[in-house]
Structures are given as structure tokens and as C-alpha cells.
Amino acid sequence: MTAANDSFLHAMHVTALWGAGVAAIGTVVVFLFLPGRTPPEPGPRERESEPANAVGR
């Protein structure tokens, strides 16, 4: 019975390490190909719609 338990635990450790490796690769891919973006500049219509006396914005 101990051989079966040892085999099971070994397989779980190997699977957990592979899962961690896949997650790490996914994190690297996300940081390389999905960079942060700055918000777009407001267009002329959006600027005109703001009240002239808006204080504290």
C-alpha cells in the first residue's frame, strides 16, 4: 500500500510543478504581448461638453 501512496504523491508533485510552469509561461506571455495602455485623449466633442466653470476636476 505504501508504494501506491508514494506513486500517487510523486505524480501529484510532478503535476503541480508542470502546472506552475505553465502558469509562469502564461504570465510571461501576458506581460510581453499585452502591455498596459494609456487612456485615449478626449476628442473635441468631449472637451466642448465640459462646463466652463467646472472647478476641482
PDB file of N, CA and C in Angstrom:
ATOM      1  N   MET A   1       0.821  -1.189   0.000  1.00  0.00           N
ATOM      2  CA  MET A   1       0.000   0.000   0.000  1.00  0.00           C
ATOM      3  C   MET A   1       0.872   1.262   0.000  1.00  0.00           C
ATOM      4  N   THR A   2       2.021   1.240   0.623  1.00  0.00           N
ATOM      5  CA  THR A   2       2.866   2.434   0.655  1.00  0.00           C
ATOM      6  C   THR A   2       3.418   2.760  -0.724  1.00  0.00           C
ATOM      7  N   ALA A   3       3.648   1.759  -1.560  1.00  0.00           N
ATOM      8  CA  ALA A   3       4.146   2.013  -2.913  1.00  0.00           C
ATOM      9  C   ALA A   3       3.109   2.795  -3.717  1.00  0.00           C
ATOM     10  N   ALA A   4       1.848   2.452  -3.553  1.00  0.00           N
ATOM     11  CA  ALA A   4       0.783   3.161  -4.261  1.00  0.00           C
ATOM     12  C   ALA A   4       0.683   4.604  -3.770  1.00  0.00           C
ATOM     13  N   ASN A   5       0.787   4.811  -2.482  1.00  0.00           N
ATOM     14  CA  ASN A   5       0.733   6.174  -1.936  1.00  0.00           C
ATOM     15  C   ASN A   5       1.914   7.004  -2.409  1.00  0.00           C
ATOM     16  N   ASP A   6       3.087   6.399  -2.404  1.00  0.00           N
ATOM     17  CA  ASP A   6       4.279   7.120  -2.876  1.00  0.00           C
ATOM     18  C   ASP A   6       4.157   7.478  -4.354  1.00  0.00           C
ATOM     19  N   SER A   7       3.657   6.564  -5.151  1.00  0.00           N
ATOM     20  CA  SER A   7       3.475   6.838  -6.578  1.00  0.00           C
ATOM     21  C   SER A   7       2.470   7.960  -6.789  1.00  0.00           C
ATOM     22  N   PHE A   8       1.383   7.919  -6.037  1.00  0.00           N
ATOM     23  CA  PHE A   8       0.356   8.954  -6.159  1.00  0.00           C
ATOM     24  C   PHE A   8       0.915  10.320  -5.772  1.00  0.00           C
ATOM     25  N   LEU A   9       1.623  10.398  -4.669  1.00  0.00           N
ATOM     26  CA  LEU A   9       2.185  11.672  -4.231  1.00  0.00           C
ATOM     27  C   LEU A   9       3.226  12.195  -5.222  1.00  0.00           C
ATOM     28  N   HIS A  10       4.028  11.282  -5.754  1.00  0.00           N
ATOM     29  CA  HIS A  10       5.016  11.703  -6.751  1.00  0.00           C
ATOM     30  C   HIS A  10       4.319  12.280  -7.987  1.00  0.00           C
ATOM     31  N   ALA A  11       3.274  11.623  -8.442  1.00  0.00           N
ATOM     32  CA  ALA A  11       2.528  12.112  -9.607  1.00  0.00           C
ATOM     33  C   ALA A  11       1.885  13.464  -9.318  1.00  0.00           C
ATOM     34  N   MET A  12       1.383  13.648  -8.122  1.00  0.00           N
ATOM     35  CA  MET A  12       0.777  14.942  -7.759  1.00  0.00           C
ATOM     36  C   MET A  12       1.829  16.046  -7.726  1.00  0.00           C
ATOM     37  N   HIS A  13       3.016  15.744  -7.225  1.00  0.00           N
ATOM     38  CA  HIS A  13       4.079  16.744  -7.204  1.00  0.00           C
ATOM     39  C   HIS A  13       4.512  17.113  -8.614  1.00  0.00           C
ATOM     40  N   VAL A  14       4.667  16.119  -9.470  1.00  0.00           N
ATOM     41  CA  VAL A  14       5.063  16.377 -10.857  1.00  0.00           C
ATOM     42  C   VAL A  14       3.993  17.211 -11.554  1.00  0.00           C
ATOM     43  N   THR A  15       2.736  16.867 -11.357  1.00  0.00           N
ATOM     44  CA  THR A  15       1.640  17.611 -11.979  1.00  0.00           C
ATOM     45  C   THR A  15       1.589  19.041 -11.467  1.00  0.00           C
ATOM     46  N   ALA A  16       1.790  19.239 -10.189  1.00  0.00           N
ATOM     47  CA  ALA A  16       1.788  20.594  -9.629  1.00  0.00           C
ATOM     48  C   ALA A  16       2.941  21.419 -10.189  1.00  0.00           C
ATOM     49  N   LEU A  17       4.105  20.821 -10.350  1.00  0.00           N
ATOM     50  CA  LEU A  17       5.241  21.546 -10.924  1.00  0.00           C
ATOM     51  C   LEU A  17       4.982  21.911 -12.383  1.00  0.00           C
ATOM     52  N   TRP A  18       4.415  20.998 -13.154  1.00  0.00           N
ATOM     53  CA  TRP A  18       4.081  21.312 -14.548  1.00  0.00           C
ATOM     54  C   TRP A  18       3.046  22.430 -14.610  1.00  0.00           C
ATOM     55  N   GLY A  19       2.056  22.384 -13.734  1.00  0.00           N
ATOM     56  CA  GLY A  19       1.042  23.440 -13.701  1.00  0.00           C
ATOM     57  C   GLY A  19       1.644  24.789 -13.351  1.00  0.00           C
ATOM     58  N   ALA A  20       2.571  24.802 -12.410  1.00  0.00           N
ATOM     59  CA  ALA A  20       3.243  26.053 -12.049  1.00  0.00           C
ATOM     60  C   ALA A  20       4.082  26.568 -13.216  1.00  0.00           C
ATOM     61  N   GLY A  21       4.711  25.664 -13.942  1.00  0.00           N
ATOM     62  CA  GLY A  21       5.496  26.063 -15.104  1.00  0.00           C
ATOM     63  C   GLY A  21       4.627  26.664 -16.200  1.00  0.00           C
ATOM     64  N   VAL A  22       3.489  26.048 -16.455  1.00  0.00           N
ATOM     65  CA  VAL A  22       2.561  26.578 -17.463  1.00  0.00           C
ATOM     66  C   VAL A  22       2.043  27.945 -17.031  1.00  0.00           C
ATOM     67  N   ALA A  23       1.730  28.113 -15.764  1.00  0.00           N
ATOM     68  CA  ALA A  23       1.267  29.405 -15.264  1.00  0.00           C
ATOM     69  C   ALA A  23       2.351  30.467 -15.400  1.00  0.00           C
ATOM     70  N   ALA A  24       3.592  30.116 -15.133  1.00  0.00           N
ATOM     71  CA  ALA A  24       4.695  31.069 -15.269  1.00  0.00           C
ATOM     72  C   ALA A  24       4.894  31.472 -16.726  1.00  0.00           C
ATOM     73  N   ILE A  25       4.821  30.507 -17.633  1.00  0.00           N
ATOM     74  CA  ILE A  25       4.939  30.829 -19.062  1.00  0.00           C
ATOM     75  C   ILE A  25       3.787  31.727 -19.498  1.00  0.00           C
ATOM     76  N   GLY A  26       2.588  31.444 -19.029  1.00  0.00           N
ATOM     77  CA  GLY A  26       1.430  32.284 -19.348  1.00  0.00           C
ATOM     78  C   GLY A  26       1.614  33.707 -18.845  1.00  0.00           C
ATOM     79  N   THR A  27       2.190  33.857 -17.667  1.00  0.00           N
ATOM     80  CA  THR A  27       2.443  35.189 -17.117  1.00  0.00           C
ATOM     81  C   THR A  27       3.440  35.947 -17.980  1.00  0.00           C
ATOM     82  N   VAL A  28       4.487  35.290 -18.413  1.00  0.00           N
ATOM     83  CA  VAL A  28       5.488  35.943 -19.276  1.00  0.00           C
ATOM     84  C   VAL A  28       4.855  36.358 -20.597  1.00  0.00           C
ATOM     85  N   VAL A  29       4.046  35.489 -21.184  1.00  0.00           N
ATOM     86  CA  VAL A  29       3.388  35.819 -22.456  1.00  0.00           C
ATOM     87  C   VAL A  29       2.473  37.021 -22.293  1.00  0.00           C
ATOM     88  N   VAL A  30       1.723  37.071 -21.212  1.00  0.00           N
ATOM     89  CA  VAL A  30       0.821  38.198 -20.983  1.00  0.00           C
ATOM     90  C   VAL A  30       1.609  39.494 -20.845  1.00  0.00           C
ATOM     91  N   PHE A  31       2.690  39.496 -20.089  1.00  0.00           N
ATOM     92  CA  PHE A  31       3.474  40.719 -19.911  1.00  0.00           C
ATOM     93  C   PHE A  31       4.164  41.158 -21.197  1.00  0.00           C
ATOM     94  N   LEU A  32       4.502  40.216 -22.067  1.00  0.00           N
ATOM     95  CA  LEU A  32       5.161  40.575 -23.319  1.00  0.00           C
ATOM     96  C   LEU A  32       4.184  41.080 -24.376  1.00  0.00           C
ATOM     97  N   PHE A  33       3.026  40.460 -24.485  1.00  0.00           N
ATOM     98  CA  PHE A  33       2.131  40.751 -25.597  1.00  0.00           C
ATOM     99  C   PHE A  33       0.901  41.562 -25.225  1.00  0.00           C
ATOM    100  N   LEU A  34       0.650  41.799 -23.968  1.00  0.00           N
ATOM    101  CA  LEU A  34      -0.490  42.617 -23.557  1.00  0.00           C
ATOM    102  C   LEU A  34       0.003  43.765 -22.683  1.00  0.00           C
ATOM    103  N   PRO A  35       0.696  44.723 -23.282  1.00  0.00           N
ATOM    104  CA  PRO A  35       1.214  45.838 -22.480  1.00  0.00           C
ATOM    105  C   PRO A  35       0.090  46.749 -22.000  1.00  0.00           C
ATOM    106  N   GLY A  36       0.366  47.484 -20.945  1.00  0.00           N
ATOM    107  CA  GLY A  36      -0.608  48.440 -20.436  1.00  0.00           C
ATOM    108  C   GLY A  36      -0.815  49.568 -21.439  1.00  0.00           C
ATOM    109  N   ARG A  37      -1.991  50.104 -21.462  1.00  0.00           N
ATOM    110  CA  ARG A  37      -2.308  51.172 -22.399  1.00  0.00           C
ATOM    111  C   ARG A  37      -2.712  52.418 -21.631  1.00  0.00           C
ATOM    112  N   THR A  38      -2.341  53.563 -22.173  1.00  0.00           N
ATOM    113  CA  THR A  38      -2.773  54.818 -21.581  1.00  0.00           C
ATOM    114  C   THR A  38      -4.166  55.138 -22.102  1.00  0.00           C
ATOM    115  N   PRO A  39      -4.982  55.802 -21.318  1.00  0.00           N
ATOM    116  CA  PRO A  39      -6.328  56.135 -21.793  1.00  0.00           C
ATOM    117  C   PRO A  39      -6.239  57.100 -22.975  1.00  0.00           C
ATOM    118  N   PRO A  40      -7.159  56.999 -23.923  1.00  0.00           N
ATOM    119  CA  PRO A  40      -7.102  57.878 -25.087  1.00  0.00           C
ATOM    120  C   PRO A  40      -7.412  59.329 -24.711  1.00  0.00           C
ATOM    121  N   GLU A  41      -6.861  60.227 -25.498  1.00  0.00           N
ATOM    122  CA  GLU A  41      -7.141  61.649 -25.301  1.00  0.00           C
ATOM    123  C   GLU A  41      -8.604  61.922 -25.630  1.00  0.00           C
ATOM    124  N   PRO A  42      -9.259  62.800 -24.883  1.00  0.00           N
ATOM    125  CA  PRO A  42     -10.659  63.112 -25.213  1.00  0.00           C
ATOM    126  C   PRO A  42     -10.733  63.849 -26.548  1.00  0.00           C
ATOM    127  N   GLY A  43     -11.743  63.505 -27.320  1.00  0.00           N
ATOM    128  CA  GLY A  43     -11.939  64.144 -28.621  1.00  0.00           C
ATOM    129  C   GLY A  43     -12.488  65.549 -28.470  1.00  0.00           C
ATOM    130  N   PRO A  44     -12.610  66.286 -29.579  1.00  0.00           N
ATOM    131  CA  PRO A  44     -13.097  67.671 -29.498  1.00  0.00           C
ATOM    132  C   PRO A  44     -14.519  67.777 -28.967  1.00  0.00           C
ATOM    133  N   ARG A  45     -15.371  66.820 -29.268  1.00  0.00           N
ATOM    134  CA  ARG A  45     -16.758  66.881 -28.769  1.00  0.00           C
ATOM    135  C   ARG A  45     -16.795  66.686 -27.255  1.00  0.00           C
ATOM    136  N   GLU A  46     -15.939  65.821 -26.754  1.00  0.00           N
ATOM    137  CA  GLU A  46     -15.923  65.584 -25.308  1.00  0.00           C
ATOM    138  C   GLU A  46     -15.409  66.807 -24.560  1.00  0.00           C
ATOM    139  N   ARG A  47     -14.460  67.512 -25.136  1.00  0.00           N
ATOM    140  CA  ARG A  47     -13.937  68.717 -24.485  1.00  0.00           C
ATOM    141  C   ARG A  47     -14.976  69.825 -24.455  1.00  0.00           C
ATOM    142  N   GLU A  48     -15.761  69.974 -25.526  1.00  0.00           N
ATOM    143  CA  GLU A  48     -16.760  71.035 -25.590  1.00  0.00           C
ATOM    144  C   GLU A  48     -17.899  70.802 -24.619  1.00  0.00           C
ATOM    145  N   SER A  49     -18.181  69.546 -24.289  1.00  0.00           N
ATOM    146  CA  SER A  49     -19.327  69.250 -23.428  1.00  0.00           C
ATOM    147  C   SER A  49     -19.041  69.537 -21.963  1.00  0.00           C
ATOM    148  N   GLU A  50     -17.776  69.750 -21.594  1.00  0.00           N
ATOM    149  CA  GLU A  50     -17.461  70.056 -20.204  1.00  0.00           C
ATOM    150  C   GLU A  50     -17.845  71.503 -19.896  1.00  0.00           C
ATOM    151  N   PRO A  51     -18.459  71.743 -18.750  1.00  0.00           N
ATOM    152  CA  PRO A  51     -18.817  73.125 -18.387  1.00  0.00           C
ATOM    153  C   PRO A  51     -17.573  73.980 -18.203  1.00  0.00           C
ATOM    154  N   ALA A  52     -17.667  75.210 -18.555  1.00  0.00           N
ATOM    155  CA  ALA A  52     -16.528  76.131 -18.486  1.00  0.00           C
ATOM    156  C   ALA A  52     -16.148  76.431 -17.040  1.00  0.00           C
ATOM    157  N   ASN A  53     -17.101  76.382 -16.123  1.00  0.00           N
ATOM    158  CA  ASN A  53     -16.820  76.746 -14.734  1.00  0.00           C
ATOM    159  C   ASN A  53     -16.636  75.501 -13.844  1.00  0.00           C
ATOM    160  N   ALA A  54     -16.247  74.380 -14.422  1.00  0.00           N
ATOM    161  CA  ALA A  54     -16.029  73.168 -13.628  1.00  0.00           C
ATOM    162  C   ALA A  54     -14.725  73.318 -12.840  1.00  0.00           C
ATOM    163  N   VAL A  55     -14.860  73.423 -11.528  1.00  0.00           N
ATOM    164  CA  VAL A  55     -13.708  73.602 -10.659  1.00  0.00           C
ATOM    165  C   VAL A  55     -13.483  72.317  -9.884  1.00  0.00           C
ATOM    166  N   GLY A  56     -12.215  71.982  -9.682  1.00  0.00           N
ATOM    167  CA  GLY A  56     -11.900  70.833  -8.860  1.00  0.00           C
ATOM    168  C   GLY A  56     -11.930  69.522  -9.613  1.00  0.00           C
ATOM    169  N   ARG A  57     -11.855  69.529 -10.897  1.00  0.00           N
ATOM    170  CA  ARG A  57     -11.847  68.269 -11.653  1.00  0.00           C
ATOM    171  C   ARG A  57     -10.458  67.817 -11.881  1.00  0.00           C
TER     172      ARG A  57
END
